[in-house]
Amino acid sequence: MTSTVKHLVLAAFLSILLFPVPSSASEPQLALAKTSPHFRVIYEYSPLRDIAYSPDPKHPMLAIVAGRKIEVWDLTALRLVRTLQGHEEHVTSVAYSPDGRTLASGGRDYTVNIWDAAAGRLIRTLRHEGGVKCVAYSPDGRYLAVVDGESSGIWDLRALERNGRK
């Protein structure tokens, strides 16, 4: 029987921890100690705010919020492939669209940036009413929910209209 190794990523305080999970295992077991031969720290930054998996199982990527930038890691090669910069303040949230084509990032600078995930190019910047705490795509990718400490809004990405509530 052939075993394919996939990875489980765990964000733990200031580190990204990577554990291989063999797909042939009936019940994958993870050793959560640094002494495990299967444990690997791929990233350490202070403070770690958010991470997001790409939805493409053939090319697994991980976006990591790192201060005012987002680092995109190739989980197959275990290497940094690009750094996205475009926020004036710290980034607080990141999310891949369901089709994996775009990546949204929200920041304390009252903006949401929409990125071309493959090219790493900034497509558009949306202005929000407060420092963004969370961004999330709808399952069909048409809408983007944005939340700050005081308000929330939903952007229709096709029409680029914001419908929000205080």
C-alpha atoms as a PDB file:
ATOM      1  CA  MET A   1       0.000   0.000   0.000  1.00  0.00           C
ATOM      2  CA  THR A   2       1.317   3.436  -0.925  1.00  0.00           C
ATOM      3  CA  SER A   3       1.227   6.136   1.706  1.00  0.00           C
ATOM      4  CA  THR A   4       0.806   9.796   0.817  1.00  0.00           C
ATOM      5  CA  VAL A   5       1.962  12.276   3.418  1.00  0.00           C
ATOM      6  CA  LYS A   6      -0.157  15.341   4.037  1.00  0.00           C
ATOM      7  CA  HIS A   7       0.386  17.945   6.699  1.00  0.00           C
ATOM      8  CA  LEU A   8      -1.575  19.301   9.599  1.00  0.00           C
ATOM      9  CA  VAL A   9      -0.699  22.879  10.450  1.00  0.00           C
ATOM     10  CA  LEU A  10      -1.209  24.189  13.948  1.00  0.00           C
ATOM     11  CA  ALA A  11      -0.858  27.817  14.937  1.00  0.00           C
ATOM     12  CA  ALA A  12       0.451  27.818  18.481  1.00  0.00           C
ATOM     13  CA  PHE A  13       1.091  31.148  20.177  1.00  0.00           C
ATOM     14  CA  LEU A  14       4.075  32.476  18.202  1.00  0.00           C
ATOM     15  CA  SER A  15       4.843  29.519  15.918  1.00  0.00           C
ATOM     16  CA  ILE A  16       3.449  27.536  13.022  1.00  0.00           C
ATOM     17  CA  LEU A  17       3.858  23.843  13.773  1.00  0.00           C
ATOM     18  CA  LEU A  18       3.800  21.300  10.956  1.00  0.00           C
ATOM     19  CA  PHE A  19       2.964  17.630  11.425  1.00  0.00           C
ATOM     20  CA  PRO A  20       3.020  14.990   8.665  1.00  0.00           C
ATOM     21  CA  VAL A  21      -0.156  12.913   8.553  1.00  0.00           C
ATOM     22  CA  PRO A  22       0.056   9.721   6.451  1.00  0.00           C
ATOM     23  CA  SER A  23      -3.181   9.233   4.517  1.00  0.00           C
ATOM     24  CA  SER A  24      -2.887   5.452   4.918  1.00  0.00           C
ATOM     25  CA  ALA A  25      -3.061   5.662   8.702  1.00  0.00           C
ATOM     26  CA  SER A  26      -6.371   4.470  10.093  1.00  0.00           C
ATOM     27  CA  GLU A  27      -6.124   6.892  13.000  1.00  0.00           C
ATOM     28  CA  PRO A  28      -3.355   9.473  12.521  1.00  0.00           C
ATOM     29  CA  GLN A  29      -1.658  10.248  15.795  1.00  0.00           C
ATOM     30  CA  LEU A  30       0.232  13.462  16.399  1.00  0.00           C
ATOM     31  CA  ALA A  31       3.028  13.912  18.873  1.00  0.00           C
ATOM     32  CA  LEU A  32       2.749  17.478  20.050  1.00  0.00           C
ATOM     33  CA  ALA A  33       6.189  17.643  21.615  1.00  0.00           C
ATOM     34  CA  LYS A  34       9.216  19.280  20.004  1.00  0.00           C
ATOM     35  CA  THR A  35      11.109  16.029  20.572  1.00  0.00           C
ATOM     36  CA  SER A  36       8.966  14.231  17.987  1.00  0.00           C
ATOM     37  CA  PRO A  37      10.910  13.378  14.798  1.00  0.00           C
ATOM     38  CA  HIS A  38       7.794  14.355  12.807  1.00  0.00           C
ATOM     39  CA  PHE A  39       7.458  17.803  14.318  1.00  0.00           C
ATOM     40  CA  ARG A  40       8.704  20.844  12.435  1.00  0.00           C
ATOM     41  CA  VAL A  41       8.458  24.546  13.202  1.00  0.00           C
ATOM     42  CA  ILE A  42       8.206  26.263   9.820  1.00  0.00           C
ATOM     43  CA  TYR A  43       7.557  29.751  11.056  1.00  0.00           C
ATOM     44  CA  GLU A  44       8.110  31.845  14.151  1.00  0.00           C
ATOM     45  CA  TYR A  45       6.929  35.411  14.460  1.00  0.00           C
ATOM     46  CA  SER A  46       5.694  37.644  17.220  1.00  0.00           C
ATOM     47  CA  PRO A  47       2.748  38.133  17.268  1.00  0.00           C
ATOM     48  CA  LEU A  48       1.084  35.499  15.100  1.00  0.00           C
ATOM     49  CA  ARG A  49      -2.394  36.748  14.106  1.00  0.00           C
ATOM     50  CA  ASP A  50      -3.989  34.367  11.584  1.00  0.00           C
ATOM     51  CA  ILE A  51      -3.393  31.630   9.013  1.00  0.00           C
ATOM     52  CA  ALA A  52      -5.405  30.288   6.065  1.00  0.00           C
ATOM     53  CA  TYR A  53      -5.133  27.128   3.976  1.00  0.00           C
ATOM     54  CA  SER A  54      -5.605  27.304   0.214  1.00  0.00           C
ATOM     55  CA  PRO A  55      -8.457  25.035  -0.933  1.00  0.00           C
ATOM     56  CA  ASP A  56      -6.378  23.309  -3.677  1.00  0.00           C
ATOM     57  CA  PRO A  57      -5.289  19.855  -2.423  1.00  0.00           C
ATOM     58  CA  LYS A  58      -2.863  19.420  -5.340  1.00  0.00           C
ATOM     59  CA  HIS A  59      -0.923  22.605  -4.499  1.00  0.00           C
ATOM     60  CA  PRO A  60      -1.402  23.171  -0.758  1.00  0.00           C
ATOM     61  CA  MET A  61      -0.453  26.663   0.319  1.00  0.00           C
ATOM     62  CA  LEU A  62      -0.585  28.375   3.676  1.00  0.00           C
ATOM     63  CA  ALA A  63      -0.995  32.131   4.126  1.00  0.00           C
ATOM     64  CA  ILE A  64       0.463  33.456   7.380  1.00  0.00           C
ATOM     65  CA  VAL A  65      -0.187  36.933   8.760  1.00  0.00           C
ATOM     66  CA  ALA A  66       3.179  38.451   9.673  1.00  0.00           C
ATOM     67  CA  GLY A  67       2.942  42.031  10.910  1.00  0.00           C
ATOM     68  CA  ARG A  68       2.104  44.284   7.951  1.00  0.00           C
ATOM     69  CA  LYS A  69       2.524  41.508   5.411  1.00  0.00           C
ATOM     70  CA  ILE A  70       1.272  38.063   4.478  1.00  0.00           C
ATOM     71  CA  GLU A  71       3.715  35.246   3.810  1.00  0.00           C
ATOM     72  CA  VAL A  72       2.574  32.471   1.477  1.00  0.00           C
ATOM     73  CA  TRP A  73       4.190  29.071   2.021  1.00  0.00           C
ATOM     74  CA  ASP A  74       4.199  26.058  -0.285  1.00  0.00           C
ATOM     75  CA  LEU A  75       3.364  23.139   2.010  1.00  0.00           C
ATOM     76  CA  THR A  76       4.679  20.531  -0.430  1.00  0.00           C
ATOM     77  CA  ALA A  77       8.148  22.080  -0.707  1.00  0.00           C
ATOM     78  CA  LEU A  78       7.968  23.622   2.802  1.00  0.00           C
ATOM     79  CA  ARG A  79       9.278  26.950   1.566  1.00  0.00           C
ATOM     80  CA  LEU A  80       8.231  30.577   1.433  1.00  0.00           C
ATOM     81  CA  VAL A  81       7.066  31.393  -2.112  1.00  0.00           C
ATOM     82  CA  ARG A  82       5.963  35.021  -1.818  1.00  0.00           C
ATOM     83  CA  THR A  83       5.366  37.913   0.518  1.00  0.00           C
ATOM     84  CA  LEU A  84       2.334  40.155   0.041  1.00  0.00           C
ATOM     85  CA  GLN A  85       2.719  43.750   1.195  1.00  0.00           C
ATOM     86  CA  GLY A  86       0.083  46.466   0.947  1.00  0.00           C
ATOM     87  CA  HIS A  87      -1.234  47.284   4.400  1.00  0.00           C
ATOM     88  CA  GLU A  88      -0.099  50.397   6.279  1.00  0.00           C
ATOM     89  CA  GLU A  89      -0.813  48.836   9.677  1.00  0.00           C
ATOM     90  CA  HIS A  90      -0.742  45.285  11.035  1.00  0.00           C
ATOM     91  CA  VAL A  91      -2.713  42.633   9.166  1.00  0.00           C
ATOM     92  CA  THR A  92      -5.184  40.851  11.433  1.00  0.00           C
ATOM     93  CA  SER A  93      -7.013  38.355   9.229  1.00  0.00           C
ATOM     94  CA  VAL A  94      -6.537  36.391   6.022  1.00  0.00           C
ATOM     95  CA  ALA A  95      -8.819  34.074   4.007  1.00  0.00           C
ATOM     96  CA  TYR A  96      -8.641  32.212   0.698  1.00  0.00           C
ATOM     97  CA  SER A  97     -11.662  32.319  -1.593  1.00  0.00           C
ATOM     98  CA  PRO A  98     -13.356  28.927  -2.077  1.00  0.00           C
ATOM     99  CA  ASP A  99     -11.885  28.576  -5.597  1.00  0.00           C
ATOM    100  CA  GLY A 100      -8.424  29.557  -4.336  1.00  0.00           C
ATOM    101  CA  ARG A 101      -8.000  32.311  -6.920  1.00  0.00           C
ATOM    102  CA  THR A 102      -8.033  35.199  -4.477  1.00  0.00           C
ATOM    103  CA  LEU A 103      -6.853  35.882  -0.970  1.00  0.00           C
ATOM    104  CA  ALA A 104      -8.407  38.560   1.240  1.00  0.00           C
ATOM    105  CA  SER A 105      -6.510  40.272   4.035  1.00  0.00           C
ATOM    106  CA  GLY A 106      -7.870  42.698   6.604  1.00  0.00           C
ATOM    107  CA  GLY A 107      -5.875  45.105   8.698  1.00  0.00           C
ATOM    108  CA  ARG A 108      -5.846  47.692  11.430  1.00  0.00           C
ATOM    109  CA  ASP A 109      -5.537  50.310   8.678  1.00  0.00           C
ATOM    110  CA  TYR A 110      -9.308  50.036   7.972  1.00  0.00           C
ATOM    111  CA  THR A 111      -8.691  48.200   4.688  1.00  0.00           C
ATOM    112  CA  VAL A 112      -9.343  44.844   3.092  1.00  0.00           C
ATOM    113  CA  ASN A 113      -6.962  43.892   0.306  1.00  0.00           C
ATOM    114  CA  ILE A 114      -7.971  41.396  -2.357  1.00  0.00           C
ATOM    115  CA  TRP A 115      -4.976  39.578  -3.865  1.00  0.00           C
ATOM    116  CA  ASP A 116      -4.469  37.383  -6.919  1.00  0.00           C
ATOM    117  CA  ALA A 117      -3.381  34.276  -5.014  1.00  0.00           C
ATOM    118  CA  ALA A 118      -1.277  32.769  -7.825  1.00  0.00           C
ATOM    119  CA  ALA A 119       0.537  35.943  -8.897  1.00  0.00           C
ATOM    120  CA  GLY A 120       0.667  37.717  -5.535  1.00  0.00           C
ATOM    121  CA  ARG A 121      -0.663  40.892  -7.147  1.00  0.00           C
ATOM    122  CA  LEU A 122      -2.938  43.331  -5.312  1.00  0.00           C
ATOM    123  CA  ILE A 123      -6.246  43.433  -7.221  1.00  0.00           C
ATOM    124  CA  ARG A 124      -8.258  45.852  -5.108  1.00  0.00           C
ATOM    125  CA  THR A 125      -8.393  47.645  -1.766  1.00  0.00           C
ATOM    126  CA  LEU A 126     -11.729  48.031   0.007  1.00  0.00           C
ATOM    127  CA  ARG A 127     -12.218  50.629   2.762  1.00  0.00           C
ATOM    128  CA  HIS A 128     -13.929  49.591   5.980  1.00  0.00           C
ATOM    129  CA  GLU A 129     -15.262  51.716   8.853  1.00  0.00           C
ATOM    130  CA  GLY A 130     -12.855  50.397  11.475  1.00  0.00           C
ATOM    131  CA  GLY A 131      -9.792  48.276  12.034  1.00  0.00           C
ATOM    132  CA  VAL A 132     -10.607  44.897  10.484  1.00  0.00           C
ATOM    133  CA  LYS A 133     -10.579  41.927  12.848  1.00  0.00           C
ATOM    134  CA  CYS A 134     -11.882  39.177  10.581  1.00  0.00           C
ATOM    135  CA  VAL A 135     -12.554  38.475   6.901  1.00  0.00           C
ATOM    136  CA  ALA A 136     -14.423  35.448   5.511  1.00  0.00           C
ATOM    137  CA  TYR A 137     -15.677  34.436   2.068  1.00  0.00           C
ATOM    138  CA  SER A 138     -19.128  32.972   1.482  1.00  0.00           C
ATOM    139  CA  PRO A 139     -19.092  29.359   0.237  1.00  0.00           C
ATOM    140  CA  ASP A 140     -19.718  30.503  -3.363  1.00  0.00           C
ATOM    141  CA  GLY A 141     -17.042  33.227  -3.154  1.00  0.00           C
ATOM    142  CA  ARG A 142     -19.429  36.007  -4.146  1.00  0.00           C
ATOM    143  CA  TYR A 143     -19.544  37.721  -0.761  1.00  0.00           C
ATOM    144  CA  LEU A 144     -16.864  38.793   1.675  1.00  0.00           C
ATOM    145  CA  ALA A 145     -17.826  39.363   5.313  1.00  0.00           C
ATOM    146  CA  VAL A 146     -15.763  41.930   7.223  1.00  0.00           C
ATOM    147  CA  VAL A 147     -15.909  42.469  10.984  1.00  0.00           C
ATOM    148  CA  ASP A 148     -14.294  45.048  13.235  1.00  0.00           C
ATOM    149  CA  GLY A 149     -14.953  45.728  16.920  1.00  0.00           C
ATOM    150  CA  GLU A 150     -17.959  47.974  16.232  1.00  0.00           C
ATOM    151  CA  SER A 151     -19.521  46.975  12.926  1.00  0.00           C
ATOM    152  CA  SER A 152     -19.767  44.275  10.322  1.00  0.00           C
ATOM    153  CA  GLY A 153     -20.377  44.382   6.617  1.00  0.00           C
ATOM    154  CA  ILE A 154     -20.794  42.143   3.638  1.00  0.00           C
ATOM    155  CA  TRP A 155     -19.255  43.076   0.317  1.00  0.00           C
ATOM    156  CA  ASP A 156     -20.849  41.769  -2.851  1.00  0.00           C
ATOM    157  CA  LEU A 157     -17.625  41.149  -4.767  1.00  0.00           C
ATOM    158  CA  ARG A 158     -19.416  41.005  -8.112  1.00  0.00           C
ATOM    159  CA  ALA A 159     -21.102  44.361  -7.633  1.00  0.00           C
ATOM    160  CA  LEU A 160     -18.519  45.725  -5.167  1.00  0.00           C
ATOM    161  CA  GLU A 161     -21.196  47.123  -2.946  1.00  0.00           C
ATOM    162  CA  ARG A 162     -21.001  47.047   0.794  1.00  0.00           C
ATOM    163  CA  ASN A 163     -24.067  46.216   2.840  1.00  0.00           C
ATOM    164  CA  GLY A 164     -23.357  46.676   6.513  1.00  0.00           C
ATOM    165  CA  ARG A 165     -24.787  47.173   9.938  1.00  0.00           C
ATOM    166  CA  LYS A 166     -23.615  48.997  13.011  1.00  0.00           C
END
